[in-house]
Amino acid sequence: YRGLITWLREFFGDRVADDDSATEFLDWLHENMAPITVRERLILLRAGWKWGIEKKLLDSNPWADLHVRKPPKQSPRPFTKDEVKQILEGFENNRYYSYYTNYVRFRFSTGFRSGEINGLRWRHFNADFTVVWIGESHTHGEFKDTKTGKAREVKLSASLAEMLRSQMAESDSDPDDLVFPAPKGGPIHEGNFAKRAWKTVLSDAGIAYQKPYNTRHTFVSHALEAGMSPMEVAKITGHDV
């Protein structure tokens, strides 16, 4: 608190912090600190004023509804079609990580969220694997609803359906089994997959590293470039239009 008090005294002097001056102070901090540091200071300010209200020293908390400005981020570059081909071939030919080939192909072919694919079970498909129901997700070690809380049904391409039929026949899986389990069973851990298999294959292919989540961005970009309507793309991926 000591350092923060110095900033408060320098900015406010004898003035009382109200909604307008609190906003000005936060803007002033933004000019002098990194966003993460401003966030730490804002947490302290909220807590201090909350304490003051509890002790009946203050009537309101001007910091309660203020938020830290997030610096703009450039959108990730989608993988090109050639890069997608290289990545898939890289997985297919890798002696350690070929296990993930169908998993990666499914990611690039659907644009689904990582958790949605990691939580996918065989019973979520129709009889001939041409339609999949997306209503369950696996993230942070637990199964739960999708990010939006909404379920959707998506029609799959003939080649993807054939891939799934072959995989199902070879694995002799139960309807409740995961479609893409980790090598030792259970859901795929996104962090482990990214650090080991994904990073290795991209490096071997000479492709600049981007997170596996970029398969989603790549699908959306390629679908729009191919002339698919934004409404249809949003329906497939579960995005807001």
C-alpha atoms as a PDB file:
ATOM      1  CA  TYR A   1       0.000   0.000   0.000  1.00  0.00           C
ATOM      2  CA  ARG A   2       2.866   2.393   0.765  1.00  0.00           C
ATOM      3  CA  GLY A   3       3.862   2.904  -2.875  1.00  0.00           C
ATOM      4  CA  LEU A   4       0.238   3.334  -3.916  1.00  0.00           C
ATOM      5  CA  ILE A   5      -0.326   5.986  -1.260  1.00  0.00           C
ATOM      6  CA  THR A   6       2.555   7.984  -2.729  1.00  0.00           C
ATOM      7  CA  TRP A   7       0.867   7.908  -6.156  1.00  0.00           C
ATOM      8  CA  LEU A   8      -2.482   8.910  -4.644  1.00  0.00           C
ATOM      9  CA  ARG A   9      -0.956  11.856  -2.787  1.00  0.00           C
ATOM     10  CA  GLU A  10       0.906  13.034  -5.866  1.00  0.00           C
ATOM     11  CA  PHE A  11      -2.209  12.929  -8.040  1.00  0.00           C
ATOM     12  CA  PHE A  12      -4.992  13.974  -5.675  1.00  0.00           C
ATOM     13  CA  GLY A  13      -3.249  16.223  -3.142  1.00  0.00           C
ATOM     14  CA  ASP A  14      -6.129  17.300  -0.878  1.00  0.00           C
ATOM     15  CA  ARG A  15      -8.867  16.392  -3.371  1.00  0.00           C
ATOM     16  CA  VAL A  16     -11.411  13.646  -2.715  1.00  0.00           C
ATOM     17  CA  ALA A  17     -11.568  10.780  -5.193  1.00  0.00           C
ATOM     18  CA  ASP A  18     -14.900  10.705  -7.010  1.00  0.00           C
ATOM     19  CA  ASP A  19     -16.033   8.851 -10.155  1.00  0.00           C
ATOM     20  CA  ASP A  20     -14.476  11.354 -12.572  1.00  0.00           C
ATOM     21  CA  SER A  21     -11.177  11.857 -10.777  1.00  0.00           C
ATOM     22  CA  ALA A  22     -10.843   8.096 -10.157  1.00  0.00           C
ATOM     23  CA  THR A  23     -11.082   7.515 -13.905  1.00  0.00           C
ATOM     24  CA  GLU A  24      -8.469  10.218 -14.513  1.00  0.00           C
ATOM     25  CA  PHE A  25      -6.168   8.631 -11.920  1.00  0.00           C
ATOM     26  CA  LEU A  26      -6.478   5.218 -13.585  1.00  0.00           C
ATOM     27  CA  ASP A  27      -5.643   6.819 -16.956  1.00  0.00           C
ATOM     28  CA  TRP A  28      -2.622   8.427 -15.315  1.00  0.00           C
ATOM     29  CA  LEU A  29      -1.472   5.054 -13.991  1.00  0.00           C
ATOM     30  CA  HIS A  30      -1.846   3.592 -17.481  1.00  0.00           C
ATOM     31  CA  GLU A  31       0.598   6.201 -18.764  1.00  0.00           C
ATOM     32  CA  ASN A  32       3.194   5.207 -16.166  1.00  0.00           C
ATOM     33  CA  MET A  33       2.714   1.466 -15.601  1.00  0.00           C
ATOM     34  CA  ALA A  34       2.171  -1.786 -17.431  1.00  0.00           C
ATOM     35  CA  PRO A  35      -1.463  -3.003 -17.541  1.00  0.00           C
ATOM     36  CA  ILE A  36      -0.741  -5.877 -15.133  1.00  0.00           C
ATOM     37  CA  THR A  37       0.663  -3.408 -12.575  1.00  0.00           C
ATOM     38  CA  VAL A  38      -2.325  -1.086 -13.004  1.00  0.00           C
ATOM     39  CA  ARG A  39      -4.572  -4.088 -12.356  1.00  0.00           C
ATOM     40  CA  GLU A  40      -2.746  -4.821  -9.083  1.00  0.00           C
ATOM     41  CA  ARG A  41      -3.123  -1.185  -7.993  1.00  0.00           C
ATOM     42  CA  LEU A  42      -6.825  -1.188  -8.881  1.00  0.00           C
ATOM     43  CA  ILE A  43      -7.405  -4.299  -6.760  1.00  0.00           C
ATOM     44  CA  LEU A  44      -5.771  -2.544  -3.802  1.00  0.00           C
ATOM     45  CA  LEU A  45      -7.848   0.601  -4.360  1.00  0.00           C
ATOM     46  CA  ARG A  46     -11.115  -1.344  -4.480  1.00  0.00           C
ATOM     47  CA  ALA A  47     -10.187  -3.211  -1.315  1.00  0.00           C
ATOM     48  CA  GLY A  48      -9.159  -0.033   0.509  1.00  0.00           C
ATOM     49  CA  TRP A  49     -12.375   1.800  -0.298  1.00  0.00           C
ATOM     50  CA  LYS A  50     -14.455  -1.289   0.520  1.00  0.00           C
ATOM     51  CA  TRP A  51     -12.832  -1.343   3.954  1.00  0.00           C
ATOM     52  CA  GLY A  52     -13.581   2.373   4.322  1.00  0.00           C
ATOM     53  CA  ILE A  53     -17.260   1.794   3.543  1.00  0.00           C
ATOM     54  CA  GLU A  54     -17.434  -1.080   6.066  1.00  0.00           C
ATOM     55  CA  LYS A  55     -15.943   1.233   8.720  1.00  0.00           C
ATOM     56  CA  LYS A  56     -18.475   3.943   7.744  1.00  0.00           C
ATOM     57  CA  LEU A  57     -15.670   6.302   6.715  1.00  0.00           C
ATOM     58  CA  LEU A  58     -16.866   6.456   3.093  1.00  0.00           C
ATOM     59  CA  ASP A  59     -20.200   6.348   1.280  1.00  0.00           C
ATOM     60  CA  SER A  60     -19.195   4.947  -2.138  1.00  0.00           C
ATOM     61  CA  ASN A  61     -16.425   3.143  -3.992  1.00  0.00           C
ATOM     62  CA  PRO A  62     -15.408   5.003  -7.191  1.00  0.00           C
ATOM     63  CA  TRP A  63     -13.064   2.145  -8.172  1.00  0.00           C
ATOM     64  CA  ALA A  64     -15.706  -0.593  -8.164  1.00  0.00           C
ATOM     65  CA  ASP A  65     -16.747  -0.311 -11.825  1.00  0.00           C
ATOM     66  CA  LEU A  66     -13.411   0.706 -13.346  1.00  0.00           C
ATOM     67  CA  HIS A  67     -11.477  -1.706 -15.556  1.00  0.00           C
ATOM     68  CA  VAL A  68      -7.905  -1.920 -16.763  1.00  0.00           C
ATOM     69  CA  ARG A  69      -7.401  -1.120 -20.437  1.00  0.00           C
ATOM     70  CA  LYS A  70      -6.158  -4.091 -22.395  1.00  0.00           C
ATOM     71  CA  PRO A  71      -3.584  -3.291 -25.077  1.00  0.00           C
ATOM     72  CA  PRO A  72      -4.751  -4.202 -28.599  1.00  0.00           C
ATOM     73  CA  LYS A  73      -3.520  -7.536 -29.909  1.00  0.00           C
ATOM     74  CA  GLN A  74      -2.939  -8.441 -33.514  1.00  0.00           C
ATOM     75  CA  SER A  75      -5.000 -11.406 -34.655  1.00  0.00           C
ATOM     76  CA  PRO A  76      -2.971 -14.584 -35.164  1.00  0.00           C
ATOM     77  CA  ARG A  77      -2.016 -15.412 -38.743  1.00  0.00           C
ATOM     78  CA  PRO A  78      -3.923 -18.445 -39.986  1.00  0.00           C
ATOM     79  CA  PHE A  79      -1.885 -21.353 -41.280  1.00  0.00           C
ATOM     80  CA  THR A  80      -1.784 -21.495 -45.067  1.00  0.00           C
ATOM     81  CA  LYS A  81      -3.177 -24.519 -46.901  1.00  0.00           C
ATOM     82  CA  ASP A  82       0.363 -25.693 -47.613  1.00  0.00           C
ATOM     83  CA  GLU A  83       1.260 -25.373 -43.939  1.00  0.00           C
ATOM     84  CA  VAL A  84      -1.818 -27.354 -42.932  1.00  0.00           C
ATOM     85  CA  LYS A  85      -0.741 -30.097 -45.344  1.00  0.00           C
ATOM     86  CA  GLN A  86       2.807 -30.024 -43.944  1.00  0.00           C
ATOM     87  CA  ILE A  87       1.561 -30.256 -40.358  1.00  0.00           C
ATOM     88  CA  LEU A  88      -0.713 -33.209 -41.098  1.00  0.00           C
ATOM     89  CA  GLU A  89       2.066 -35.002 -42.965  1.00  0.00           C
ATOM     90  CA  GLY A  90       4.422 -34.182 -40.116  1.00  0.00           C
ATOM     91  CA  PHE A  91       2.172 -35.898 -37.599  1.00  0.00           C
ATOM     92  CA  GLU A  92       1.493 -38.836 -39.876  1.00  0.00           C
ATOM     93  CA  ASN A  93       5.218 -39.489 -40.393  1.00  0.00           C
ATOM     94  CA  ASN A  94       6.414 -38.813 -36.864  1.00  0.00           C
ATOM     95  CA  ARG A  95       7.363 -42.010 -35.055  1.00  0.00           C
ATOM     96  CA  TYR A  96       6.383 -40.582 -31.667  1.00  0.00           C
ATOM     97  CA  TYR A  97       3.346 -38.439 -32.432  1.00  0.00           C
ATOM     98  CA  SER A  98       1.571 -40.112 -35.379  1.00  0.00           C
ATOM     99  CA  TYR A  99      -1.046 -41.127 -32.795  1.00  0.00           C
ATOM    100  CA  TYR A 100      -2.429 -37.571 -32.961  1.00  0.00           C
ATOM    101  CA  THR A 101      -2.863 -37.428 -36.767  1.00  0.00           C
ATOM    102  CA  ASN A 102      -6.657 -37.868 -36.806  1.00  0.00           C
ATOM    103  CA  TYR A 103      -7.009 -35.531 -33.842  1.00  0.00           C
ATOM    104  CA  VAL A 104      -5.155 -32.749 -35.646  1.00  0.00           C
ATOM    105  CA  ARG A 105      -7.026 -33.396 -38.903  1.00  0.00           C
ATOM    106  CA  PHE A 106     -10.330 -33.114 -37.029  1.00  0.00           C
ATOM    107  CA  ARG A 107      -9.219 -29.807 -35.492  1.00  0.00           C
ATOM    108  CA  PHE A 108      -8.308 -28.282 -38.840  1.00  0.00           C
ATOM    109  CA  SER A 109     -11.452 -29.667 -40.519  1.00  0.00           C
ATOM    110  CA  THR A 110     -14.029 -28.399 -38.004  1.00  0.00           C
ATOM    111  CA  GLY A 111     -12.648 -25.344 -36.206  1.00  0.00           C
ATOM    112  CA  PHE A 112     -14.155 -26.606 -32.952  1.00  0.00           C
ATOM    113  CA  ARG A 113     -12.779 -25.402 -29.631  1.00  0.00           C
ATOM    114  CA  SER A 114     -10.066 -27.540 -28.050  1.00  0.00           C
ATOM    115  CA  GLY A 115     -12.245 -28.491 -25.085  1.00  0.00           C
ATOM    116  CA  GLU A 116     -15.117 -29.495 -27.359  1.00  0.00           C
ATOM    117  CA  ILE A 117     -12.906 -31.925 -29.265  1.00  0.00           C
ATOM    118  CA  ASN A 118     -11.178 -33.225 -26.130  1.00  0.00           C
ATOM    119  CA  GLY A 119     -14.579 -34.020 -24.590  1.00  0.00           C
ATOM    120  CA  LEU A 120     -16.048 -35.634 -27.698  1.00  0.00           C
ATOM    121  CA  ARG A 121     -17.518 -39.137 -27.261  1.00  0.00           C
ATOM    122  CA  TRP A 122     -18.629 -41.672 -29.881  1.00  0.00           C
ATOM    123  CA  ARG A 123     -22.262 -41.346 -28.827  1.00  0.00           C
ATOM    124  CA  HIS A 124     -22.189 -37.717 -29.908  1.00  0.00           C
ATOM    125  CA  PHE A 125     -22.270 -38.801 -33.591  1.00  0.00           C
ATOM    126  CA  ASN A 126     -25.169 -40.078 -35.650  1.00  0.00           C
ATOM    127  CA  ALA A 127     -25.097 -43.609 -37.074  1.00  0.00           C
ATOM    128  CA  ASP A 128     -22.973 -42.869 -40.158  1.00  0.00           C
ATOM    129  CA  PHE A 129     -20.793 -40.149 -38.582  1.00  0.00           C
ATOM    130  CA  THR A 130     -22.074 -37.419 -40.876  1.00  0.00           C
ATOM    131  CA  VAL A 131     -23.433 -35.285 -38.015  1.00  0.00           C
ATOM    132  CA  VAL A 132     -21.886 -34.523 -34.627  1.00  0.00           C
ATOM    133  CA  TRP A 133     -23.550 -33.079 -31.532  1.00  0.00           C
ATOM    134  CA  ILE A 134     -21.428 -30.535 -29.657  1.00  0.00           C
ATOM    135  CA  GLY A 135     -22.725 -30.002 -26.145  1.00  0.00           C
ATOM    136  CA  GLU A 136     -19.965 -31.158 -23.830  1.00  0.00           C
ATOM    137  CA  SER A 137     -16.450 -29.910 -23.231  1.00  0.00           C
ATOM    138  CA  HIS A 138     -13.368 -30.953 -21.275  1.00  0.00           C
ATOM    139  CA  THR A 139     -11.221 -28.115 -19.956  1.00  0.00           C
ATOM    140  CA  HIS A 140      -9.097 -27.585 -16.841  1.00  0.00           C
ATOM    141  CA  GLY A 141      -9.472 -31.220 -15.837  1.00  0.00           C
ATOM    142  CA  GLU A 142     -13.250 -31.467 -15.838  1.00  0.00           C
ATOM    143  CA  PHE A 143     -16.174 -32.186 -18.137  1.00  0.00           C
ATOM    144  CA  LYS A 144     -18.716 -29.399 -18.439  1.00  0.00           C
ATOM    145  CA  ASP A 145     -20.994 -27.568 -20.865  1.00  0.00           C
ATOM    146  CA  THR A 146     -19.626 -25.778 -23.911  1.00  0.00           C
ATOM    147  CA  LYS A 147     -18.138 -22.307 -23.458  1.00  0.00           C
ATOM    148  CA  THR A 148     -21.382 -20.646 -24.593  1.00  0.00           C
ATOM    149  CA  GLY A 149     -23.608 -23.051 -22.648  1.00  0.00           C
ATOM    150  CA  LYS A 150     -25.366 -23.932 -25.894  1.00  0.00           C
ATOM    151  CA  ALA A 151     -25.373 -27.201 -27.850  1.00  0.00           C
ATOM    152  CA  ARG A 152     -25.203 -27.402 -31.647  1.00  0.00           C
ATOM    153  CA  GLU A 153     -25.260 -30.034 -34.371  1.00  0.00           C
ATOM    154  CA  VAL A 154     -22.750 -29.847 -37.207  1.00  0.00           C
ATOM    155  CA  LYS A 155     -22.693 -31.732 -40.489  1.00  0.00           C
ATOM    156  CA  LEU A 156     -19.313 -33.281 -41.282  1.00  0.00           C
ATOM    157  CA  SER A 157     -17.647 -33.750 -44.642  1.00  0.00           C
ATOM    158  CA  ALA A 158     -17.673 -37.170 -46.331  1.00  0.00           C
ATOM    159  CA  SER A 159     -13.899 -37.559 -45.872  1.00  0.00           C
ATOM    160  CA  LEU A 160     -14.082 -36.713 -42.173  1.00  0.00           C
ATOM    161  CA  ALA A 161     -16.990 -39.126 -41.671  1.00  0.00           C
ATOM    162  CA  GLU A 162     -14.992 -41.870 -43.383  1.00  0.00           C
ATOM    163  CA  MET A 163     -11.995 -41.160 -41.170  1.00  0.00           C
ATOM    164  CA  LEU A 164     -14.161 -41.490 -38.062  1.00  0.00           C
ATOM    165  CA  ARG A 165     -15.831 -44.686 -39.266  1.00  0.00           C
ATOM    166  CA  SER A 166     -12.427 -46.284 -39.855  1.00  0.00           C
ATOM    167  CA  GLN A 167     -11.139 -45.131 -36.477  1.00  0.00           C
ATOM    168  CA  MET A 168     -14.225 -46.477 -34.713  1.00  0.00           C
ATOM    169  CA  ALA A 169     -13.907 -49.857 -36.462  1.00  0.00           C
ATOM    170  CA  GLU A 170     -10.225 -50.163 -35.564  1.00  0.00           C
ATOM    171  CA  SER A 171     -10.640 -49.167 -31.915  1.00  0.00           C
ATOM    172  CA  ASP A 172     -13.824 -51.176 -31.199  1.00  0.00           C
ATOM    173  CA  SER A 173     -14.823 -48.403 -28.801  1.00  0.00           C
ATOM    174  CA  ASP A 174     -17.786 -48.103 -26.473  1.00  0.00           C
ATOM    175  CA  PRO A 175     -20.296 -45.259 -27.139  1.00  0.00           C
ATOM    176  CA  ASP A 176     -19.168 -43.496 -23.953  1.00  0.00           C
ATOM    177  CA  ASP A 177     -15.479 -43.681 -24.858  1.00  0.00           C
ATOM    178  CA  LEU A 178     -13.621 -40.523 -25.877  1.00  0.00           C
ATOM    179  CA  VAL A 179     -13.052 -40.187 -29.622  1.00  0.00           C
ATOM    180  CA  PHE A 180      -9.594 -38.658 -29.140  1.00  0.00           C
ATOM    181  CA  PRO A 181      -8.177 -39.910 -25.819  1.00  0.00           C
ATOM    182  CA  ALA A 182      -4.622 -39.275 -24.651  1.00  0.00           C
ATOM    183  CA  PRO A 183      -2.120 -42.053 -25.464  1.00  0.00           C
ATOM    184  CA  LYS A 184      -2.383 -43.429 -21.920  1.00  0.00           C
ATOM    185  CA  GLY A 185      -6.136 -42.889 -21.655  1.00  0.00           C
ATOM    186  CA  GLY A 186      -8.315 -40.060 -20.398  1.00  0.00           C
ATOM    187  CA  PRO A 187      -8.771 -36.679 -22.100  1.00  0.00           C
ATOM    188  CA  ILE A 188      -5.907 -35.044 -23.980  1.00  0.00           C
ATOM    189  CA  HIS A 189      -4.141 -32.412 -21.873  1.00  0.00           C
ATOM    190  CA  GLU A 190      -3.929 -29.339 -24.089  1.00  0.00           C
ATOM    191  CA  GLY A 191      -0.750 -28.012 -22.488  1.00  0.00           C
ATOM    192  CA  ASN A 192       1.145 -31.287 -22.801  1.00  0.00           C
ATOM    193  CA  PHE A 193       0.018 -31.739 -26.396  1.00  0.00           C
ATOM    194  CA  ALA A 194       1.122 -28.200 -27.290  1.00  0.00           C
ATOM    195  CA  LYS A 195       4.541 -28.417 -25.598  1.00  0.00           C
ATOM    196  CA  ARG A 196       5.464 -31.840 -26.924  1.00  0.00           C
ATOM    197  CA  ALA A 197       3.714 -33.145 -30.039  1.00  0.00           C
ATOM    198  CA  TRP A 198       2.533 -29.867 -31.597  1.00  0.00           C
ATOM    199  CA  LYS A 199       5.718 -27.890 -30.957  1.00  0.00           C
ATOM    200  CA  THR A 200       7.926 -30.715 -32.231  1.00  0.00           C
ATOM    201  CA  VAL A 201       6.029 -31.278 -35.479  1.00  0.00           C
ATOM    202  CA  LEU A 202       5.886 -27.555 -36.317  1.00  0.00           C
ATOM    203  CA  SER A 203       9.584 -27.191 -35.587  1.00  0.00           C
ATOM    204  CA  ASP A 204      10.477 -30.179 -37.770  1.00  0.00           C
ATOM    205  CA  ALA A 205       8.378 -28.701 -40.601  1.00  0.00           C
ATOM    206  CA  GLY A 206      10.069 -25.293 -40.269  1.00  0.00           C
ATOM    207  CA  ILE A 207       6.764 -23.584 -39.460  1.00  0.00           C
ATOM    208  CA  ALA A 208       6.679 -20.697 -36.979  1.00  0.00           C
ATOM    209  CA  TYR A 209       5.059 -21.759 -33.728  1.00  0.00           C
ATOM    210  CA  GLN A 210       1.459 -20.820 -33.078  1.00  0.00           C
ATOM    211  CA  LYS A 211      -0.779 -22.344 -30.430  1.00  0.00           C
ATOM    212  CA  PRO A 212      -2.918 -25.369 -31.400  1.00  0.00           C
ATOM    213  CA  TYR A 213      -5.968 -23.124 -30.918  1.00  0.00           C
ATOM    214  CA  ASN A 214      -4.963 -21.454 -34.168  1.00  0.00           C
ATOM    215  CA  THR A 215      -6.483 -24.455 -35.973  1.00  0.00           C
ATOM    216  CA  ARG A 216      -9.827 -22.808 -35.155  1.00  0.00           C
ATOM    217  CA  HIS A 217      -8.793 -19.442 -36.568  1.00  0.00           C
ATOM    218  CA  THR A 218      -7.401 -21.205 -39.638  1.00  0.00           C
ATOM    219  CA  PHE A 219     -10.655 -23.054 -40.287  1.00  0.00           C
ATOM    220  CA  VAL A 220     -12.685 -19.852 -40.027  1.00  0.00           C
ATOM    221  CA  SER A 221     -10.332 -17.919 -42.317  1.00  0.00           C
ATOM    222  CA  HIS A 222     -10.229 -20.628 -44.988  1.00  0.00           C
ATOM    223  CA  ALA A 223     -13.997 -21.148 -44.863  1.00  0.00           C
ATOM    224  CA  LEU A 224     -14.670 -17.446 -45.389  1.00  0.00           C
ATOM    225  CA  GLU A 225     -12.090 -17.259 -48.184  1.00  0.00           C
ATOM    226  CA  ALA A 226     -13.849 -20.182 -49.881  1.00  0.00           C
ATOM    227  CA  GLY A 227     -17.102 -18.218 -49.909  1.00  0.00           C
ATOM    228  CA  MET A 228     -18.927 -19.807 -46.978  1.00  0.00           C
ATOM    229  CA  SER A 229     -21.341 -17.366 -45.354  1.00  0.00           C
ATOM    230  CA  PRO A 230     -20.422 -15.926 -41.934  1.00  0.00           C
ATOM    231  CA  MET A 231     -23.732 -17.277 -40.606  1.00  0.00           C
ATOM    232  CA  GLU A 232     -22.797 -20.829 -41.611  1.00  0.00           C
ATOM    233  CA  VAL A 233     -19.257 -20.518 -40.236  1.00  0.00           C
ATOM    234  CA  ALA A 234     -20.615 -19.222 -36.919  1.00  0.00           C
ATOM    235  CA  LYS A 235     -23.087 -22.103 -36.762  1.00  0.00           C
ATOM    236  CA  ILE A 236     -20.285 -24.661 -37.234  1.00  0.00           C
ATOM    237  CA  THR A 237     -17.810 -23.137 -34.787  1.00  0.00           C
ATOM    238  CA  GLY A 238     -20.204 -21.851 -32.147  1.00  0.00           C
ATOM    239  CA  HIS A 239     -18.965 -18.310 -32.646  1.00  0.00           C
ATOM    240  CA  ASP A 240     -21.078 -15.194 -32.368  1.00  0.00           C
ATOM    241  CA  VAL A 241     -21.652 -13.956 -35.942  1.00  0.00           C
END
